[in-house]
Amino acid sequence: MAAKSCAMKKKCKKKLIELSKRDAMFEELKMTEVSTPHLLLLNCGLQNGVTRPFLWAVLRPSQIYMFHHKEYSVATFSSASEAEYARSIVNGCTVHEVATAADDLRPLLPTTVVRGPPLHVHAVFLEGLGSLKLTPFVKRQLPPGLVLVQDFISPQLEQELLDYFTKHLAEESFKTTAEHNSVTDGPQCSDHLKQRRVEHFGYQFLYGQNCVDPKSPLHRPIPDLCHPVLKLMMEHKLAIVYPDQLTVNEYQPGQGIPKHVDSHSSFEGEIISLSLGSDCIMHFKGADSDLSVPVYLQKRSLLVMGGDSRLYWTHRIPSHKLDQVDCSMPGMDMPHPPQVPHPQWVEETTDVMERLTRISLTFRKVQQSPNCSCGHHLCDKRDQLTSPHGPLV
């Protein structure tokens, strides 16, 4: 027993040294061997995939602070004795051991954590919270021209669309994006897009040339099942033109898209995306600044990119299986943790979300004229295959 305790102390010390070398905030934390109400939990951070509900269920603290891209979190308690008891539960154990010790808490953890390599928890007392760098809680705003409508369709219609397109993708002799690229002899297929199942309706998107051929419509138009969605969208004046092209993408966990701006010379009006099956985060970045806005897309939500968000802002989905989220993100309308009804700090609301299979329906209106006449200085030209904002897809 003493040998095991000594080994765990060595592992903990090694982890502390490792973090202090590469994490400026961690270096400023003041640790102590004296019992206090504050616990630093190593290998229990968002970067490890550990969720806030799991820590609440195990520790029963007064507050939890979790930090984006960090391998640790901080729990505070009403007294030093409560912190000591919580430490006795987790210190030296693996996350899996803690999850199965009493009630089965594995459903509160992502499957990648439950099935992954063991994470040994190290709990260390902190002198106080003064050295924590916390971010004031302010709800971020959507980029100009971007409209997000939650629960745009019913769960029943979502399931009908999922069933239809999942079956369609499985039955069709579909081509991956890479295969589409080879058919069109295009040189610009991104590795990020390979092996993703994709299907087009109305017009074929030519990935190698980043455009469509308006003179070559497909024999398969937008499916009838989609038209109630489009009519509802037009009734609510969410778009100025009725789409005639649809791209269906299936994203498995871990798949994403690189940053890009949708071609303006090929498509007029807004770009519209309906999310099915899973939530995800889409990141928007301004063309003339370093401002980046992560937008939380709930399943059944409708995203309309118009105005500045259509031309000035790139958008991307990182290739992650887990997303780190917080309640300051636009679209994150889920209730705050019940223990924090009015958060002061972003780190009081951060959590990890596991992605599931997501299908996105992207509706566009094909530009029929040979050149775009908008005159906007950020608009691409028909014969221009590249953009300062990344590939046009």
Protein backbone atom coordinates (compact mmCIF):
# COMPACT_ATOMS: atom_id res chain seq x y z
CA MET A 1 0.00 0.00 0.00
CA ALA A 2 2.85 2.37 0.93
CA ALA A 3 4.63 1.52 -2.33
CA LYS A 4 1.49 2.32 -4.34
CA SER A 5 1.10 5.63 -2.50
CA CYS A 6 4.72 6.50 -3.21
CA ALA A 7 4.30 5.66 -6.89
CA MET A 8 1.20 7.82 -7.15
CA LYS A 9 3.01 10.74 -5.52
CA LYS A 10 5.81 10.41 -8.09
CA LYS A 11 3.26 10.38 -10.94
CA CYS A 12 1.52 13.41 -9.49
CA LYS A 13 4.82 15.30 -9.11
CA LYS A 14 5.77 14.42 -12.69
CA LYS A 15 2.41 15.69 -13.96
CA LEU A 16 2.78 18.93 -11.99
CA ILE A 17 6.25 19.55 -13.44
CA GLU A 18 5.04 18.76 -16.96
CA LEU A 19 2.09 21.18 -16.74
CA SER A 20 4.13 23.96 -15.15
CA LYS A 21 6.51 23.89 -18.13
CA ARG A 22 3.85 24.36 -20.80
CA ASP A 23 0.94 26.11 -19.06
CA ALA A 24 1.43 29.70 -17.91
CA MET A 25 -1.79 29.75 -15.85
CA PHE A 26 -0.93 26.49 -14.13
CA GLU A 27 2.47 27.84 -13.16
CA GLU A 28 0.78 30.56 -11.09
CA LEU A 29 -1.43 28.20 -9.06
CA LYS A 30 -0.39 28.02 -5.42
CA MET A 31 -0.53 24.45 -4.13
CA THR A 32 -0.22 23.33 -0.54
CA GLU A 33 -0.08 20.12 1.53
CA VAL A 34 -2.37 21.71 4.12
CA SER A 35 -6.08 20.90 3.78
CA THR A 36 -8.13 23.73 2.28
CA PRO A 37 -11.63 23.98 0.69
CA HIS A 38 -10.08 24.08 -2.79
CA LEU A 39 -8.99 21.07 -4.87
CA LEU A 40 -6.96 21.03 -8.06
CA LEU A 41 -7.96 17.94 -10.07
CA LEU A 42 -5.32 16.76 -12.53
CA ASN A 43 -6.43 14.64 -15.51
CA CYS A 44 -9.98 15.84 -14.87
CA GLY A 45 -10.19 18.65 -17.41
CA LEU A 46 -12.12 19.40 -20.57
CA GLN A 47 -9.09 18.35 -22.62
CA ASN A 48 -9.35 14.88 -21.01
CA GLY A 49 -13.03 14.62 -21.96
CA VAL A 50 -14.26 14.68 -18.36
CA THR A 51 -17.71 16.28 -18.09
CA ARG A 52 -19.10 18.72 -15.56
CA PRO A 53 -22.11 16.50 -14.63
CA PHE A 54 -19.68 13.67 -13.82
CA LEU A 55 -17.65 15.84 -11.44
CA TRP A 56 -20.81 17.20 -9.78
CA ALA A 57 -22.11 13.66 -9.23
CA VAL A 58 -18.83 12.37 -7.79
CA LEU A 59 -17.62 15.30 -5.68
CA ARG A 60 -20.77 17.24 -4.66
CA PRO A 61 -18.80 20.52 -4.51
CA SER A 62 -19.97 24.10 -4.06
CA GLN A 63 -18.48 25.11 -7.43
CA ILE A 64 -16.47 23.69 -10.31
CA TYR A 65 -14.23 25.67 -12.64
CA MET A 66 -13.31 23.99 -15.93
CA PHE A 67 -11.01 25.57 -18.51
CA HIS A 68 -10.96 25.32 -22.29
CA HIS A 69 -8.11 23.11 -23.56
CA LYS A 70 -6.81 22.34 -20.05
CA GLU A 71 -6.12 18.94 -18.44
CA TYR A 72 -7.26 20.03 -15.00
CA SER A 73 -10.20 21.59 -13.19
CA VAL A 74 -10.76 23.19 -9.78
CA ALA A 75 -13.47 22.24 -7.29
CA THR A 76 -14.36 24.31 -4.25
CA PHE A 77 -16.18 23.09 -1.14
CA SER A 78 -17.91 24.59 1.88
CA SER A 79 -15.12 23.42 4.18
CA ALA A 80 -11.69 21.83 4.19
CA SER A 81 -13.16 18.62 5.65
CA GLU A 82 -15.53 18.27 2.67
CA ALA A 83 -12.59 18.77 0.31
CA GLU A 84 -10.62 16.11 2.21
CA TYR A 85 -13.47 13.64 1.82
CA ALA A 86 -13.79 14.35 -1.90
CA ARG A 87 -10.04 13.93 -2.29
CA SER A 88 -10.20 10.53 -0.60
CA ILE A 89 -12.74 9.39 -3.22
CA VAL A 90 -10.77 10.27 -6.34
CA ASN A 91 -7.08 10.69 -5.56
CA GLY A 92 -4.99 7.96 -7.18
CA CYS A 93 -7.97 6.30 -8.85
CA THR A 94 -8.70 6.16 -12.54
CA VAL A 95 -11.72 8.02 -13.90
CA HIS A 96 -13.22 4.64 -14.85
CA GLU A 97 -12.77 3.31 -11.30
CA VAL A 98 -14.47 6.40 -9.88
CA ALA A 99 -17.33 6.06 -12.38
CA THR A 100 -18.05 2.45 -11.38
CA ALA A 101 -17.32 2.64 -7.63
CA ALA A 102 -20.92 3.27 -6.54
CA ASP A 103 -23.74 4.15 -8.91
CA ASP A 104 -22.74 3.59 -12.51
CA LEU A 105 -21.78 7.07 -13.68
CA ARG A 106 -20.33 5.97 -17.03
CA PRO A 107 -23.31 7.43 -18.95
CA LEU A 108 -22.13 10.86 -17.76
CA LEU A 109 -18.83 10.40 -19.62
CA PRO A 110 -18.14 10.37 -23.38
CA THR A 111 -17.61 6.90 -24.82
CA THR A 112 -14.11 7.97 -25.90
CA VAL A 113 -13.24 8.38 -22.20
CA VAL A 114 -14.99 5.21 -21.01
CA ARG A 115 -13.27 3.09 -23.68
CA GLY A 116 -10.01 5.01 -23.77
CA PRO A 117 -6.75 4.59 -21.83
CA PRO A 118 -6.94 4.96 -18.03
CA LEU A 119 -6.86 8.48 -16.62
CA HIS A 120 -5.38 8.58 -13.11
CA VAL A 121 -6.80 11.43 -11.04
CA HIS A 122 -4.47 13.46 -8.83
CA ALA A 123 -6.12 15.81 -6.31
CA VAL A 124 -4.01 18.59 -4.78
CA PHE A 125 -5.06 21.29 -2.31
CA LEU A 126 -4.86 24.93 -3.42
CA GLU A 127 -4.19 27.84 -1.07
CA GLY A 128 -6.99 29.83 -2.70
CA LEU A 129 -8.60 30.87 -5.97
CA GLY A 130 -6.85 34.23 -6.35
CA SER A 131 -4.41 32.89 -8.94
CA LEU A 132 -7.13 31.49 -11.22
CA LYS A 133 -7.49 33.38 -14.48
CA LEU A 134 -11.24 33.49 -15.02
CA THR A 135 -13.12 34.95 -17.99
CA PRO A 136 -16.03 37.31 -17.20
CA PHE A 137 -19.30 35.82 -18.43
CA VAL A 138 -20.64 37.81 -21.40
CA LYS A 139 -22.98 36.30 -23.99
CA ARG A 140 -21.27 36.52 -27.37
CA GLN A 141 -23.09 37.94 -30.39
CA LEU A 142 -23.67 36.28 -33.74
CA PRO A 143 -21.67 37.65 -36.71
CA PRO A 144 -23.62 40.35 -38.61
CA GLY A 145 -26.12 38.87 -41.03
CA LEU A 146 -26.11 35.44 -39.42
CA VAL A 147 -29.49 34.12 -38.28
CA LEU A 148 -29.91 31.03 -36.10
CA VAL A 149 -33.35 29.56 -35.43
CA GLN A 150 -33.59 26.82 -32.81
CA ASP A 151 -36.08 23.95 -33.19
CA PHE A 152 -36.96 25.07 -36.70
CA ILE A 153 -38.48 21.66 -37.45
CA SER A 154 -40.23 19.11 -35.25
CA PRO A 155 -38.50 15.96 -33.94
CA GLN A 156 -40.87 13.95 -36.14
CA LEU A 157 -39.83 15.74 -39.33
CA GLU A 158 -36.19 15.52 -38.29
CA GLN A 159 -36.51 11.74 -37.99
CA GLU A 160 -38.24 11.50 -41.39
CA LEU A 161 -35.43 13.49 -43.00
CA LEU A 162 -32.77 11.42 -41.23
CA ASP A 163 -34.40 8.16 -42.32
CA TYR A 164 -34.76 9.36 -45.91
CA PHE A 165 -31.22 10.66 -46.40
CA THR A 166 -29.51 7.90 -44.41
CA LYS A 167 -31.25 5.31 -46.58
CA HIS A 168 -30.55 7.32 -49.73
CA LEU A 169 -26.83 7.62 -48.95
CA ALA A 170 -26.61 3.92 -48.14
CA GLU A 171 -28.49 2.69 -51.22
CA GLU A 172 -26.98 5.04 -53.78
CA SER A 173 -23.67 4.19 -55.33
CA PHE A 174 -22.41 7.37 -53.72
CA LYS A 175 -19.09 9.00 -54.44
CA THR A 176 -16.94 10.42 -51.67
CA THR A 177 -15.73 13.97 -52.06
CA ALA A 178 -12.41 12.63 -53.27
CA GLU A 179 -14.18 10.64 -55.99
CA HIS A 180 -16.19 13.70 -57.04
CA ASN A 181 -12.89 15.51 -57.32
CA SER A 182 -11.36 12.85 -59.57
CA VAL A 183 -14.45 12.91 -61.82
CA THR A 184 -14.10 16.66 -62.33
CA ASP A 185 -10.29 16.52 -62.62
CA GLY A 186 -9.98 19.15 -59.93
CA PRO A 187 -6.72 19.62 -58.07
CA GLN A 188 -8.02 21.21 -54.89
CA CYS A 189 -9.71 18.43 -52.96
CA SER A 190 -8.88 18.82 -49.28
CA ASP A 191 -7.87 15.80 -47.23
CA HIS A 192 -10.35 17.01 -44.60
CA LEU A 193 -13.22 16.23 -46.98
CA LYS A 194 -12.19 12.74 -48.06
CA GLN A 195 -14.35 9.75 -47.14
CA ARG A 196 -17.29 11.90 -46.08
CA ARG A 197 -20.56 10.76 -47.60
CA VAL A 198 -22.05 13.52 -49.70
CA GLU A 199 -24.90 13.76 -52.19
CA HIS A 200 -26.13 16.62 -54.37
CA PHE A 201 -29.60 17.48 -55.64
CA GLY A 202 -30.60 20.04 -58.24
CA TYR A 203 -27.04 20.74 -59.37
CA GLN A 204 -23.75 18.93 -58.93
CA PHE A 205 -21.16 20.84 -56.92
CA LEU A 206 -17.79 20.65 -58.71
CA TYR A 207 -15.29 20.52 -55.89
CA GLY A 208 -12.21 20.85 -58.08
CA GLN A 209 -13.54 24.07 -59.62
CA ASN A 210 -15.44 25.34 -56.55
CA CYS A 211 -18.60 26.05 -58.47
CA VAL A 212 -21.61 24.53 -60.20
CA ASP A 213 -22.49 24.43 -63.88
CA PRO A 214 -25.84 26.23 -64.13
CA LYS A 215 -26.37 24.75 -67.61
CA SER A 216 -26.21 21.16 -66.35
CA PRO A 217 -28.95 20.53 -63.78
CA LEU A 218 -29.19 17.05 -62.30
CA HIS A 219 -32.11 14.71 -62.99
CA ARG A 220 -32.74 14.51 -59.24
CA PRO A 221 -34.22 17.77 -57.90
CA ILE A 222 -34.49 18.69 -54.24
CA PRO A 223 -36.62 15.92 -52.65
CA ASP A 224 -40.28 16.69 -51.94
CA LEU A 225 -39.72 16.01 -48.24
CA CYS A 226 -37.58 19.16 -48.05
CA HIS A 227 -40.10 21.59 -49.53
CA PRO A 228 -42.17 22.07 -46.34
CA VAL A 229 -38.91 23.22 -44.70
CA LEU A 230 -38.17 25.63 -47.56
CA LYS A 231 -41.72 26.99 -47.66
CA LEU A 232 -41.64 27.60 -43.90
CA MET A 233 -38.32 29.38 -44.32
CA MET A 234 -39.77 31.63 -47.04
CA GLU A 235 -42.91 32.34 -45.00
CA HIS A 236 -40.73 33.60 -42.15
CA LYS A 237 -38.70 35.70 -44.62
CA LEU A 238 -35.47 33.97 -43.66
CA ALA A 239 -34.34 33.99 -47.31
CA ILE A 240 -35.02 36.19 -50.32
CA VAL A 241 -34.70 33.48 -53.00
CA TYR A 242 -36.06 29.93 -53.14
CA PRO A 243 -33.19 27.39 -53.22
CA ASP A 244 -32.76 25.03 -56.15
CA GLN A 245 -29.60 23.19 -55.05
CA LEU A 246 -29.07 20.91 -52.05
CA THR A 247 -25.89 19.34 -50.72
CA VAL A 248 -26.30 16.59 -48.14
CA ASN A 249 -23.27 15.88 -45.94
CA GLU A 250 -22.95 13.10 -43.41
CA TYR A 251 -20.46 13.83 -40.64
CA GLN A 252 -19.27 10.93 -38.52
CA PRO A 253 -17.76 11.85 -35.11
CA GLY A 254 -14.32 13.29 -35.78
CA GLN A 255 -15.13 14.64 -39.25
CA GLY A 256 -15.29 18.36 -40.02
CA ILE A 257 -14.76 20.94 -42.74
CA PRO A 258 -11.87 23.41 -43.23
CA LYS A 259 -12.44 27.15 -43.12
CA HIS A 260 -14.01 28.58 -46.26
CA VAL A 261 -16.42 31.10 -47.75
CA ASP A 262 -19.12 29.73 -50.06
CA SER A 263 -18.65 30.89 -53.63
CA HIS A 264 -20.67 34.06 -54.27
CA SER A 265 -20.36 34.03 -58.05
CA SER A 266 -21.98 30.58 -58.13
CA PHE A 267 -24.77 31.19 -55.61
CA GLU A 268 -27.01 34.16 -55.00
CA GLY A 269 -28.78 35.06 -51.79
CA GLU A 270 -28.26 33.28 -48.51
CA ILE A 271 -26.61 29.96 -47.68
CA ILE A 272 -28.93 27.90 -45.48
CA SER A 273 -28.01 24.90 -43.36
CA LEU A 274 -30.31 22.56 -41.43
CA SER A 275 -28.67 20.35 -38.77
CA LEU A 276 -30.00 16.82 -38.16
CA GLY A 277 -29.07 14.11 -35.69
CA SER A 278 -26.42 15.81 -33.57
CA ASP A 279 -25.29 19.14 -32.18
CA CYS A 280 -21.95 20.62 -33.20
CA ILE A 281 -19.96 23.85 -33.07
CA MET A 282 -19.26 25.93 -36.18
CA HIS A 283 -16.51 28.53 -35.89
CA PHE A 284 -16.81 31.88 -37.68
CA LYS A 285 -13.85 34.22 -38.17
CA GLY A 286 -13.92 37.79 -39.44
CA ALA A 287 -11.93 38.53 -42.60
CA ASP A 288 -10.45 41.79 -41.31
CA SER A 289 -9.79 40.86 -37.69
CA ASP A 290 -8.80 38.04 -35.36
CA LEU A 291 -12.32 37.90 -33.95
CA SER A 292 -13.59 34.31 -33.83
CA VAL A 293 -17.11 33.32 -32.78
CA PRO A 294 -17.99 29.68 -32.01
CA VAL A 295 -21.68 29.10 -32.74
CA TYR A 296 -23.47 26.17 -31.13
CA LEU A 297 -25.68 24.44 -33.70
CA GLN A 298 -28.32 22.31 -32.05
CA LYS A 299 -29.94 19.53 -34.01
CA ARG A 300 -33.10 20.76 -35.80
CA SER A 301 -31.68 24.30 -35.92
CA LEU A 302 -31.62 26.37 -39.10
CA LEU A 303 -28.58 28.52 -39.85
CA VAL A 304 -28.93 31.31 -42.42
CA MET A 305 -25.74 32.98 -43.66
CA GLY A 306 -26.46 36.35 -45.22
CA GLY A 307 -24.99 39.85 -45.25
CA ASP A 308 -21.49 40.18 -43.80
CA SER A 309 -21.48 36.63 -42.45
CA ARG A 310 -21.85 35.41 -46.05
CA LEU A 311 -18.77 37.22 -47.42
CA TYR A 312 -16.68 38.69 -44.61
CA TRP A 313 -16.62 35.65 -42.35
CA THR A 314 -15.11 32.22 -42.95
CA HIS A 315 -16.72 29.24 -41.26
CA ARG A 316 -15.38 25.81 -40.33
CA ILE A 317 -16.10 22.73 -38.21
CA PRO A 318 -13.02 21.31 -36.45
CA SER A 319 -12.40 17.58 -36.87
CA HIS A 320 -13.15 16.63 -33.27
CA LYS A 321 -15.04 13.82 -31.57
CA LEU A 322 -15.58 16.03 -28.51
CA ASP A 323 -16.48 19.72 -28.46
CA GLN A 324 -15.66 22.02 -25.55
CA VAL A 325 -18.64 24.29 -24.97
CA ASP A 326 -19.79 27.04 -22.64
CA CYS A 327 -22.98 29.02 -22.14
CA SER A 328 -21.52 32.22 -23.60
CA MET A 329 -21.68 30.72 -27.10
CA PRO A 330 -24.49 31.89 -29.41
CA GLY A 331 -26.99 29.08 -29.82
CA MET A 332 -26.13 27.61 -26.43
CA ASP A 333 -29.58 28.07 -24.95
CA MET A 334 -29.48 25.09 -22.63
CA PRO A 335 -30.04 25.99 -18.98
CA HIS A 336 -27.03 26.95 -16.93
CA PRO A 337 -25.92 24.29 -14.44
CA PRO A 338 -28.54 24.38 -11.67
CA GLN A 339 -25.80 25.13 -9.15
CA VAL A 340 -24.92 28.31 -11.09
CA PRO A 341 -28.17 30.10 -11.99
CA HIS A 342 -26.34 33.38 -12.67
CA PRO A 343 -22.75 32.65 -13.70
CA GLN A 344 -20.11 35.32 -13.22
CA TRP A 345 -17.40 33.44 -15.07
CA VAL A 346 -17.34 31.45 -18.30
CA GLU A 347 -15.42 28.68 -16.49
CA GLU A 348 -18.50 28.06 -14.33
CA THR A 349 -20.44 26.83 -17.40
CA THR A 350 -17.87 25.03 -19.55
CA ASP A 351 -18.46 21.38 -20.45
CA VAL A 352 -17.66 18.67 -22.98
CA MET A 353 -20.12 17.54 -25.66
CA GLU A 354 -19.74 14.27 -27.53
CA ARG A 355 -20.58 14.41 -31.23
CA LEU A 356 -22.88 11.87 -32.81
CA THR A 357 -23.49 11.25 -36.50
CA ARG A 358 -24.74 14.52 -37.98
CA ILE A 359 -26.37 15.13 -41.35
CA SER A 360 -26.46 18.68 -42.66
CA LEU A 361 -28.71 19.88 -45.45
CA THR A 362 -27.20 22.92 -47.19
CA PHE A 363 -29.60 24.78 -49.48
CA ARG A 364 -28.42 27.27 -52.11
CA LYS A 365 -29.80 29.22 -55.07
CA VAL A 366 -27.66 28.79 -58.19
CA GLN A 367 -26.55 31.98 -59.92
CA GLN A 368 -27.72 31.67 -63.54
CA SER A 369 -25.85 34.65 -65.00
CA PRO A 370 -22.27 33.98 -66.19
CA ASN A 371 -20.83 36.52 -63.74
CA CYS A 372 -21.87 37.89 -60.39
CA SER A 373 -22.93 41.54 -60.64
CA CYS A 374 -22.90 42.35 -56.94
CA GLY A 375 -19.70 44.38 -57.23
CA HIS A 376 -18.61 43.46 -53.71
CA HIS A 377 -14.84 43.63 -53.27
CA LEU A 378 -14.80 40.27 -51.47
CA CYS A 379 -16.84 38.51 -54.13
CA ASP A 380 -14.97 35.86 -56.11
CA LYS A 381 -15.15 35.80 -59.91
CA ARG A 382 -16.38 32.92 -62.03
CA ASP A 383 -12.88 32.22 -63.36
CA GLN A 384 -11.20 32.54 -59.96
CA LEU A 385 -10.47 29.22 -58.29
CA THR A 386 -8.89 30.47 -55.08
CA SER A 387 -9.79 32.94 -52.36
CA PRO A 388 -7.85 34.70 -49.56
CA HIS A 389 -10.34 33.11 -47.19
CA GLY A 390 -9.57 29.51 -48.16
CA PRO A 391 -11.29 27.14 -50.59
CA LEU A 392 -14.71 28.13 -51.83
CA VAL A 393 -17.01 25.18 -51.23
